[in-house]
N, C-alpha and C. Protein backbone atom coordinates (compact mmCIF):
# COMPACT_ATOMS: atom_id res chain seq x y z
N UNK A 1 -4.32 -24.23 -8.52
CA UNK A 1 -3.56 -22.99 -8.16
C UNK A 1 -4.70 -22.50 -7.05
N UNK A 2 -4.02 -22.10 -5.45
CA UNK A 2 -4.84 -21.64 -4.88
C UNK A 2 -3.85 -20.01 -4.47
N UNK A 3 -4.29 -19.39 -3.61
CA UNK A 3 -4.17 -18.07 -3.53
C UNK A 3 -4.36 -17.45 -2.04
N UNK A 4 -3.30 -17.03 -1.29
CA UNK A 4 -3.48 -16.56 0.15
C UNK A 4 -3.17 -15.37 0.03
N UNK A 5 -4.19 -14.27 0.50
CA UNK A 5 -4.08 -12.78 0.19
C UNK A 5 -4.63 -12.30 2.18
N UNK A 6 -3.51 -11.17 1.88
CA UNK A 6 -3.67 -10.42 3.25
C UNK A 6 -3.21 -9.10 2.64
N UNK A 7 -3.99 -7.89 3.54
CA UNK A 7 -4.09 -6.67 2.75
C UNK A 7 -4.16 -5.79 4.24
N UNK A 8 -3.35 -4.67 4.17
CA UNK A 8 -3.35 -3.45 4.97
C UNK A 8 -3.29 -2.10 4.99
N UNK A 9 -3.58 -1.31 5.80
CA UNK A 9 -3.26 0.37 5.80
C UNK A 9 -2.44 0.60 6.70
N UNK A 10 -1.30 1.16 6.05
CA UNK A 10 -0.16 1.50 6.82
C UNK A 10 -0.24 3.18 7.32
N UNK A 11 0.08 3.38 8.34
CA UNK A 11 0.29 4.68 8.62
C UNK A 11 1.73 5.39 8.37
N UNK A 12 1.91 5.17 7.18
CA UNK A 12 2.90 5.58 6.62
C UNK A 12 3.20 5.73 5.19
N UNK A 13 4.05 6.60 4.71
CA UNK A 13 3.97 6.57 3.08
C UNK A 13 4.58 5.64 2.14
N UNK A 14 3.91 5.66 1.00
CA UNK A 14 4.04 4.53 0.47
C UNK A 14 5.66 4.39 0.21
N UNK A 15 6.34 5.44 0.10
CA UNK A 15 7.95 5.43 -0.22
C UNK A 15 8.38 4.86 0.67
N UNK A 16 7.93 5.18 2.16
CA UNK A 16 8.78 4.58 3.36
C UNK A 16 8.54 2.94 3.29
N UNK A 17 7.16 2.76 3.26
CA UNK A 17 6.74 1.29 3.15
C UNK A 17 7.90 0.49 2.26
N UNK A 18 7.47 1.33 0.87
CA UNK A 18 8.31 0.37 -0.22
C UNK A 18 9.63 0.03 -0.20
N UNK A 19 10.32 1.35 0.65
CA UNK A 19 11.75 1.21 0.88
C UNK A 19 12.16 0.36 1.95
N UNK A 20 11.32 -0.77 2.55
CA UNK A 20 11.87 -1.60 3.80
C UNK A 20 11.53 -2.83 2.69
N UNK A 21 10.54 -2.88 2.06
CA UNK A 21 9.92 -4.29 1.64
C UNK A 21 11.23 -4.34 0.11
N UNK A 22 11.34 -3.22 -0.83
CA UNK A 22 12.32 -3.57 -1.70
C UNK A 22 13.35 -4.36 -1.47
N UNK A 23 14.11 -3.67 -0.31
CA UNK A 23 15.33 -4.33 0.03
C UNK A 23 15.29 -5.85 0.61
N UNK A 24 15.41 -6.99 -0.44
CA UNK A 24 15.47 -7.89 -0.45
C UNK A 24 16.22 -8.92 0.19
N UNK A 25 17.49 -8.11 0.27
CA UNK A 25 18.28 -8.22 1.51
C UNK A 25 18.53 -8.15 2.93
N UNK A 26 17.31 -7.62 3.21
CA UNK A 26 17.55 -6.65 4.42
C UNK A 26 15.98 -7.39 5.33
N UNK A 27 15.48 -7.91 5.29
CA UNK A 27 13.90 -8.35 5.31
C UNK A 27 14.26 -8.92 7.01
N UNK A 28 15.48 -8.94 7.22
CA UNK A 28 15.28 -9.47 8.99
C UNK A 28 15.67 -7.92 9.86
N UNK A 29 15.66 -6.86 9.18
CA UNK A 29 15.93 -5.34 9.81
C UNK A 29 14.31 -5.18 10.59
N UNK A 30 13.30 -5.70 9.73
CA UNK A 30 12.27 -5.24 10.67
C UNK A 30 11.15 -6.46 10.50
N UNK A 31 11.46 -7.83 9.92
CA UNK A 31 10.42 -8.86 10.68
C UNK A 31 11.28 -9.54 11.75
N UNK A 32 10.63 -9.47 12.81
CA UNK A 32 11.38 -10.04 13.80
C UNK A 32 11.31 -11.55 13.81
N UNK A 33 10.52 -12.59 13.31
CA UNK A 33 10.87 -13.85 13.39
C UNK A 33 12.16 -14.45 12.34
N UNK A 34 12.31 -13.36 11.57
CA UNK A 34 13.45 -13.45 10.90
C UNK A 34 15.01 -13.56 11.14
N UNK A 35 15.97 -14.19 11.65
CA UNK A 35 16.95 -13.86 12.45
C UNK A 35 18.16 -13.30 11.75
N UNK A 36 18.06 -13.44 10.28
CA UNK A 36 19.12 -13.38 9.53
C UNK A 36 18.53 -13.92 7.75
N UNK A 37 19.38 -12.69 7.18
CA UNK A 37 19.01 -12.98 5.58
C UNK A 37 20.16 -13.24 5.22
N UNK A 38 20.60 -13.80 4.32
CA UNK A 38 22.27 -14.52 3.70
C UNK A 38 22.09 -14.33 2.20
N UNK A 39 22.58 -13.25 1.65
CA UNK A 39 22.21 -13.59 0.22
C UNK A 39 23.50 -14.37 -0.24
N UNK A 40 23.37 -15.05 -1.59
CA UNK A 40 24.47 -16.22 -2.18
C UNK A 40 25.47 -14.71 -2.59
N UNK A 41 26.64 -15.52 -2.40
CA UNK A 41 27.96 -14.84 -3.03
C UNK A 41 27.47 -14.36 -4.09
N UNK A 42 27.93 -13.07 -4.22
CA UNK A 42 28.17 -11.77 -5.32
C UNK A 42 26.39 -11.52 -5.60
N UNK A 43 25.55 -11.81 -4.77
CA UNK A 43 24.21 -10.97 -4.93
C UNK A 43 23.68 -10.46 -3.80
N UNK A 44 24.91 -9.50 -3.29
CA UNK A 44 24.39 -8.78 -1.95
C UNK A 44 23.63 -7.71 -2.31
N UNK A 45 23.52 -7.06 -3.29
CA UNK A 45 22.35 -5.70 -4.01
C UNK A 45 21.75 -6.78 -4.27
N UNK A 46 21.25 -7.60 -4.33
CA UNK A 46 20.01 -8.26 -4.64
C UNK A 46 19.57 -8.14 -6.28
N UNK A 47 19.86 -8.36 -6.99
CA UNK A 47 19.42 -7.96 -8.05
C UNK A 47 18.52 -9.02 -8.47
N UNK A 48 17.33 -8.68 -9.19
CA UNK A 48 16.57 -9.75 -9.81
C UNK A 48 17.07 -10.99 -10.31
N UNK A 49 16.62 -11.95 -9.87
CA UNK A 49 17.29 -13.12 -9.98
C UNK A 49 18.35 -13.77 -9.00
N UNK A 50 18.44 -12.82 -7.71
CA UNK A 50 19.52 -13.13 -6.49
C UNK A 50 18.59 -14.43 -5.79
N UNK A 51 19.51 -14.82 -4.63
CA UNK A 51 18.70 -15.98 -4.27
C UNK A 51 19.10 -15.70 -2.68
N UNK A 52 18.08 -15.80 -1.93
CA UNK A 52 18.73 -15.60 -0.56
C UNK A 52 18.20 -16.81 0.51
N UNK A 53 18.97 -16.91 1.45
CA UNK A 53 18.70 -17.61 2.62
C UNK A 53 18.16 -17.40 3.63
N UNK A 54 16.88 -17.50 4.01
CA UNK A 54 16.35 -17.05 4.83
C UNK A 54 15.89 -17.47 6.30
N UNK A 55 16.81 -17.71 7.12
CA UNK A 55 16.59 -18.00 8.52
C UNK A 55 15.57 -17.59 9.46
N UNK A 56 14.80 -18.72 10.10
CA UNK A 56 13.10 -18.13 10.68
C UNK A 56 13.24 -18.96 12.25
N UNK A 57 13.06 -18.10 12.95
CA UNK A 57 12.73 -18.72 14.43
C UNK A 57 11.04 -19.35 14.47
N UNK A 58 10.82 -20.16 14.77
CA UNK A 58 9.28 -20.68 15.13
C UNK A 58 9.00 -21.44 16.45
N UNK A 59 8.02 -21.54 16.82
CA UNK A 59 7.70 -22.53 18.02
C UNK A 59 8.32 -23.78 17.99
N UNK A 60 8.89 -24.77 16.94
CA UNK A 60 9.35 -25.53 16.61
C UNK A 60 10.68 -25.58 16.53
N UNK A 61 11.40 -24.39 17.15
CA UNK A 61 12.70 -24.05 16.86
C UNK A 61 13.63 -23.71 15.83
N UNK A 62 13.23 -23.52 14.38
CA UNK A 62 13.75 -22.92 13.54
C UNK A 62 13.92 -23.75 12.48
N UNK A 63 13.90 -22.78 11.09
CA UNK A 63 14.42 -23.53 9.72
C UNK A 63 15.17 -22.26 8.93
N UNK A 64 15.33 -22.73 7.41
CA UNK A 64 15.53 -21.68 6.83
C UNK A 64 14.83 -22.25 5.28
N UNK A 65 15.08 -21.09 4.85
CA UNK A 65 14.10 -21.43 3.34
C UNK A 65 14.85 -20.34 2.31
N UNK A 66 14.83 -20.79 1.53
CA UNK A 66 15.54 -20.30 0.34
C UNK A 66 14.53 -19.71 -0.75
N UNK A 67 14.85 -18.58 -1.10
CA UNK A 67 14.03 -17.60 -1.55
C UNK A 67 14.74 -16.84 -2.80
N UNK A 68 13.95 -16.89 -4.29
CA UNK A 68 14.70 -16.27 -5.52
C UNK A 68 13.62 -14.73 -5.64
N UNK A 69 14.18 -13.89 -5.89
CA UNK A 69 13.67 -12.32 -6.36
C UNK A 69 13.17 -12.49 -7.97
N UNK A 70 12.24 -12.68 -8.19
CA UNK A 70 11.63 -12.88 -9.33
C UNK A 70 11.91 -11.66 -10.14
N UNK A 71 11.03 -10.86 -9.31
CA UNK A 71 10.49 -9.14 -10.17
C UNK A 71 10.63 -8.36 -9.31
N UNK A 72 11.24 -7.26 -9.58
CA UNK A 72 11.22 -5.74 -8.89
C UNK A 72 11.00 -4.47 -9.67
N UNK A 73 9.51 -3.95 -9.01
CA UNK A 73 9.31 -2.71 -10.01
C UNK A 73 9.21 -1.99 -9.14
N UNK A 74 10.17 -0.79 -8.82
CA UNK A 74 10.34 0.46 -8.34
C UNK A 74 9.23 1.25 -8.08
N UNK A 75 8.55 1.23 -9.75
CA UNK A 75 7.88 1.98 -10.07
C UNK A 75 6.74 1.71 -9.55
N UNK A 76 6.29 0.67 -9.75
CA UNK A 76 4.95 0.17 -9.62
C UNK A 76 5.03 -0.45 -7.68
N UNK A 77 6.09 -0.46 -7.54
CA UNK A 77 6.33 -0.87 -6.13
C UNK A 77 5.65 -2.45 -5.77
N UNK A 78 6.32 -2.91 -6.75
CA UNK A 78 5.77 -4.75 -6.54
C UNK A 78 7.07 -5.23 -6.51
N UNK A 79 6.93 -6.24 -5.79
CA UNK A 79 8.29 -7.33 -5.95
C UNK A 79 7.49 -8.74 -5.82
N UNK A 80 8.38 -9.69 -6.58
CA UNK A 80 7.77 -11.04 -6.20
C UNK A 80 8.90 -11.74 -6.26
N UNK A 81 8.90 -13.07 -5.23
CA UNK A 81 10.07 -14.09 -4.87
C UNK A 81 8.99 -15.54 -5.16
N UNK A 82 9.84 -16.55 -5.14
CA UNK A 82 9.60 -17.38 -5.27
C UNK A 82 10.62 -19.12 -4.44
N UNK A 83 10.44 -20.06 -4.38
CA UNK A 83 11.23 -21.12 -3.66
C UNK A 83 11.80 -21.65 -4.73
N UNK A 84 12.84 -21.93 -5.04
CA UNK A 84 13.84 -22.36 -6.09
C UNK A 84 14.11 -23.37 -5.75
N UNK A 85 14.40 -23.99 -4.61
CA UNK A 85 14.49 -25.23 -4.36
C UNK A 85 13.86 -25.86 -3.42
N UNK A 86 12.62 -26.01 -3.39
CA UNK A 86 11.43 -27.02 -2.77
C UNK A 86 11.08 -25.83 -1.76
N UNK A 87 10.14 -26.57 -1.02
CA UNK A 87 9.61 -25.58 0.19
C UNK A 87 9.42 -26.13 1.58
N UNK A 88 9.07 -25.61 2.54
CA UNK A 88 9.28 -26.12 3.95
C UNK A 88 7.99 -26.34 4.17
N UNK A 89 6.81 -25.67 3.24
CA UNK A 89 5.47 -25.83 3.13
C UNK A 89 5.08 -26.97 2.41
N UNK A 90 3.53 -27.61 2.79
CA UNK A 90 3.53 -28.97 1.52
C UNK A 90 2.57 -28.37 0.42
N UNK A 91 3.71 -27.35 -0.42
CA UNK A 91 3.35 -27.42 -1.73
C UNK A 91 4.51 -27.43 -2.85
N UNK A 92 3.84 -27.24 -3.56
CA UNK A 92 4.80 -27.84 -5.03
C UNK A 92 5.41 -26.80 -5.67
N UNK A 93 4.37 -25.45 -5.75
CA UNK A 93 5.30 -24.21 -6.37
C UNK A 93 4.71 -22.92 -5.38
N UNK A 94 5.46 -21.92 -5.45
CA UNK A 94 5.13 -20.93 -4.75
C UNK A 94 5.38 -19.57 -5.29
N UNK A 95 4.72 -18.41 -5.21
CA UNK A 95 5.17 -17.29 -5.88
C UNK A 95 4.58 -16.27 -5.05
N UNK A 96 5.51 -15.51 -4.06
CA UNK A 96 5.04 -14.16 -3.26
C UNK A 96 5.00 -13.18 -3.80
N UNK A 97 4.16 -12.02 -3.51
CA UNK A 97 3.94 -10.87 -4.41
C UNK A 97 3.74 -9.90 -3.44
N UNK A 98 4.63 -8.86 -3.20
CA UNK A 98 4.00 -7.93 -2.01
C UNK A 98 4.06 -6.39 -3.04
N UNK A 99 2.98 -5.69 -3.15
CA UNK A 99 2.66 -4.49 -3.77
C UNK A 99 2.13 -3.03 -3.01
N UNK A 100 2.89 -2.59 -2.90
CA UNK A 100 2.34 -0.85 -2.01
C UNK A 100 2.11 0.28 -2.98
N UNK A 101 1.05 0.49 -2.26
CA UNK A 101 0.64 1.55 -3.36
C UNK A 101 0.05 3.08 -2.32
N UNK A 102 -0.04 4.23 -2.73
CA UNK A 102 -0.52 5.30 -1.92
C UNK A 102 -1.84 5.31 -1.95
N UNK A 103 -2.67 5.88 -0.96
CA UNK A 103 -3.80 5.94 -0.61
C UNK A 103 -4.23 7.65 -0.94
N UNK A 104 -4.41 8.05 -1.67
CA UNK A 104 -4.71 9.15 -2.51
C UNK A 104 -5.71 9.88 -1.38
N UNK A 105 -6.51 8.94 -0.87
CA UNK A 105 -7.85 10.16 -0.09
C UNK A 105 -7.12 9.98 1.18
N UNK A 106 -6.14 9.75 1.31
CA UNK A 106 -5.44 9.59 2.78
C UNK A 106 -3.68 9.69 3.06
N UNK A 107 -3.39 11.16 2.39
CA UNK A 107 -2.10 11.40 2.68
C UNK A 107 -1.35 10.81 3.88
N UNK A 108 0.15 9.99 3.39
CA UNK A 108 1.02 9.64 4.79
C UNK A 108 0.46 8.13 4.87
N UNK A 109 -0.46 7.61 4.21
CA UNK A 109 -1.08 6.28 4.19
C UNK A 109 -0.68 5.23 3.37
N UNK A 110 -0.48 4.36 3.38
CA UNK A 110 0.17 3.53 2.25
C UNK A 110 -0.70 2.21 2.73
N UNK A 111 -1.34 1.34 1.41
CA UNK A 111 -1.85 -0.16 1.24
C UNK A 111 -1.19 -0.71 0.56
N UNK A 112 -0.74 -1.96 1.40
CA UNK A 112 -0.06 -2.93 1.29
C UNK A 112 -0.87 -4.72 1.05
N UNK A 113 -0.44 -5.14 -0.18
CA UNK A 113 -1.21 -6.32 -0.40
C UNK A 113 -0.13 -7.34 -0.57
N UNK A 114 -0.04 -8.58 0.36
CA UNK A 114 0.72 -9.61 0.25
C UNK A 114 0.03 -10.60 -0.32
N UNK A 115 0.74 -11.40 -1.43
CA UNK A 115 -0.39 -12.26 -1.88
C UNK A 115 0.76 -13.52 -2.09
N UNK A 116 0.04 -15.17 -1.90
CA UNK A 116 1.10 -16.06 -1.95
C UNK A 116 0.30 -16.72 -3.26
N UNK A 117 0.79 -17.30 -4.42
CA UNK A 117 0.37 -18.14 -5.10
C UNK A 117 0.89 -19.51 -5.21
N UNK A 118 -0.12 -20.33 -4.97
CA UNK A 118 0.73 -21.89 -4.88
C UNK A 118 0.18 -22.92 -5.44
N UNK A 119 0.39 -24.13 -5.41
CA UNK A 119 -0.07 -25.32 -6.00
C UNK A 119 0.38 -26.38 -4.83
N UNK A 120 -0.85 -26.73 -4.49
CA UNK A 120 -0.63 -28.10 -3.14
C UNK A 120 -1.71 -29.06 -3.76
N UNK A 121 -1.70 -30.25 -2.64
CA UNK A 121 -2.52 -31.17 -2.88
C UNK A 121 -3.97 -30.84 -2.43
N UNK A 122 -5.02 -30.91 -2.73
CA UNK A 122 -6.13 -30.52 -2.31
C UNK A 122 -6.48 -30.91 -0.80
N UNK A 123 -5.98 -31.79 -0.21
CA UNK A 123 -5.96 -31.64 0.87
C UNK A 123 -5.12 -30.82 2.22
N UNK A 124 -4.15 -30.55 1.38
CA UNK A 124 -3.26 -29.67 1.82
C UNK A 124 -3.76 -28.24 1.90
N UNK A 125 -4.17 -28.03 0.90
CA UNK A 125 -4.62 -26.23 0.11
C UNK A 125 -5.17 -25.84 1.28
N UNK A 126 -6.13 -25.77 1.91
CA UNK A 126 -6.77 -24.96 3.14
C UNK A 126 -5.49 -24.44 4.10
N UNK A 127 -5.24 -25.58 4.76
CA UNK A 127 -4.00 -25.45 5.48
C UNK A 127 -3.18 -24.36 5.37
N UNK A 128 -2.50 -24.68 4.10
CA UNK A 128 -1.22 -24.00 3.46
C UNK A 128 -1.83 -22.67 2.86
N UNK A 129 -2.70 -22.28 2.97
CA UNK A 129 -3.49 -20.81 2.68
C UNK A 129 -3.43 -20.30 3.82
N UNK A 130 -4.10 -21.05 4.99
CA UNK A 130 -4.02 -20.55 6.60
C UNK A 130 -2.45 -20.14 6.81
N UNK A 131 -1.72 -21.15 6.96
CA UNK A 131 -0.49 -20.84 7.32
C UNK A 131 0.06 -19.43 6.52
N UNK A 132 0.19 -19.54 5.24
CA UNK A 132 0.86 -18.31 4.35
C UNK A 132 0.18 -17.06 4.96
N UNK A 133 -1.14 -17.17 5.03
CA UNK A 133 -1.90 -15.54 5.64
C UNK A 133 -1.57 -15.36 7.02
N UNK A 134 -1.36 -16.42 8.14
CA UNK A 134 -1.04 -16.13 9.34
C UNK A 134 0.36 -15.41 9.10
N UNK A 135 1.51 -15.97 8.15
CA UNK A 135 2.61 -15.20 8.01
C UNK A 135 2.87 -14.00 7.65
N UNK A 136 2.13 -13.64 6.34
CA UNK A 136 1.90 -12.35 5.87
C UNK A 136 1.58 -11.48 7.23
N UNK A 137 0.27 -11.72 7.77
CA UNK A 137 -0.28 -10.60 9.38
C UNK A 137 0.62 -10.83 9.92
N UNK A 138 1.66 -12.03 10.37
CA UNK A 138 2.97 -11.12 10.93
C UNK A 138 3.90 -10.25 10.49
N UNK A 139 4.28 -10.70 9.48
CA UNK A 139 5.07 -9.71 8.58
C UNK A 139 4.98 -8.27 8.78
N UNK A 140 3.64 -8.05 8.39
CA UNK A 140 2.66 -7.03 8.14
C UNK A 140 2.82 -6.27 9.59
N UNK A 141 2.15 -6.76 10.57
CA UNK A 141 2.66 -6.13 12.16
C UNK A 141 3.69 -5.74 12.21
N UNK A 142 4.77 -6.86 12.03
CA UNK A 142 6.25 -6.35 12.26
C UNK A 142 6.72 -5.08 11.58
N UNK A 143 6.10 -4.82 10.14
CA UNK A 143 6.45 -3.92 9.30
C UNK A 143 5.95 -2.75 9.82
N UNK A 144 4.28 -2.49 10.45
CA UNK A 144 4.18 -1.35 10.85
C UNK A 144 4.53 -1.50 12.04
N UNK A 145 5.01 -1.80 12.97
CA UNK A 145 5.57 -1.51 14.69
C UNK A 145 7.11 -1.16 13.86
N UNK A 146 7.87 -1.29 12.65
CA UNK A 146 9.02 -0.82 12.67
C UNK A 146 8.85 0.62 11.79
N UNK A 147 7.83 0.91 11.07
CA UNK A 147 7.64 2.20 10.60
C UNK A 147 7.20 3.11 11.98
N UNK A 148 6.32 2.62 12.68
CA UNK A 148 5.96 3.42 13.68
C UNK A 148 7.31 3.86 14.21
N UNK A 149 8.45 2.93 15.04
CA UNK A 149 8.98 3.34 15.70
C UNK A 149 10.30 4.17 14.75
N UNK A 150 10.30 4.40 13.77
CA UNK A 150 10.94 5.09 12.57
C UNK A 150 10.48 6.29 13.17
N UNK A 151 8.88 6.52 12.83
CA UNK A 151 8.66 7.82 12.78
C UNK A 151 8.79 8.54 14.32
N UNK A 152 8.96 7.72 15.13
CA UNK A 152 8.64 8.33 16.67
C UNK A 152 10.07 8.91 16.89
N UNK A 153 11.27 7.76 16.36
CA UNK A 153 12.83 8.44 16.15
C UNK A 153 12.69 9.55 15.04
N UNK A 154 12.32 9.73 14.34
CA UNK A 154 12.36 10.68 13.48
C UNK A 154 11.96 12.23 14.45
N UNK A 155 10.78 12.21 15.34
CA UNK A 155 10.24 13.08 16.13
C UNK A 155 9.20 13.51 15.08
N UNK A 156 7.93 14.78 15.69
CA UNK A 156 7.47 15.45 14.93
C UNK A 156 7.65 15.98 13.72
N UNK A 157 6.81 16.07 12.93
CA UNK A 157 7.14 16.64 11.65
C UNK A 157 6.60 18.33 11.91
N UNK A 158 7.71 19.06 11.35
CA UNK A 158 7.54 20.72 11.06
C UNK A 158 6.24 21.02 10.03
N UNK A 159 5.56 21.86 10.03
CA UNK A 159 4.88 22.75 9.13
C UNK A 159 5.17 23.62 8.52
């Protein structure tokens, strides 16, 4: 089993970050390369166990990925998802986990950790890890931009 990990400090509260990440059916609202997220019928509220189809654009034209929400913990601000029907990547299994925390020494900032645990042939392991890391970095940049735009739209805070 291999792991890809990307972490970031975001200029937003953990609650603001979590409100976007936890909405499993709306990642297309803040990830630019996701053109649409379609929840399976009857699962629009995205309960644990819900399956979504994520439509993605990429330099090759695009593809779709089926993902299942495996766990979600609002108190710990953690969710996990898997590819229930195989993967467009050279891996046999995959579990993605996103975790958000307050940074207690820096109010108004959050720590985000995105990991992917996967099983791949030894020849594919390094490339798969690099691919997942690059994807997470891209998603986190989009999340940071979305949070910054929301903060700008909200205007300056009043003390």
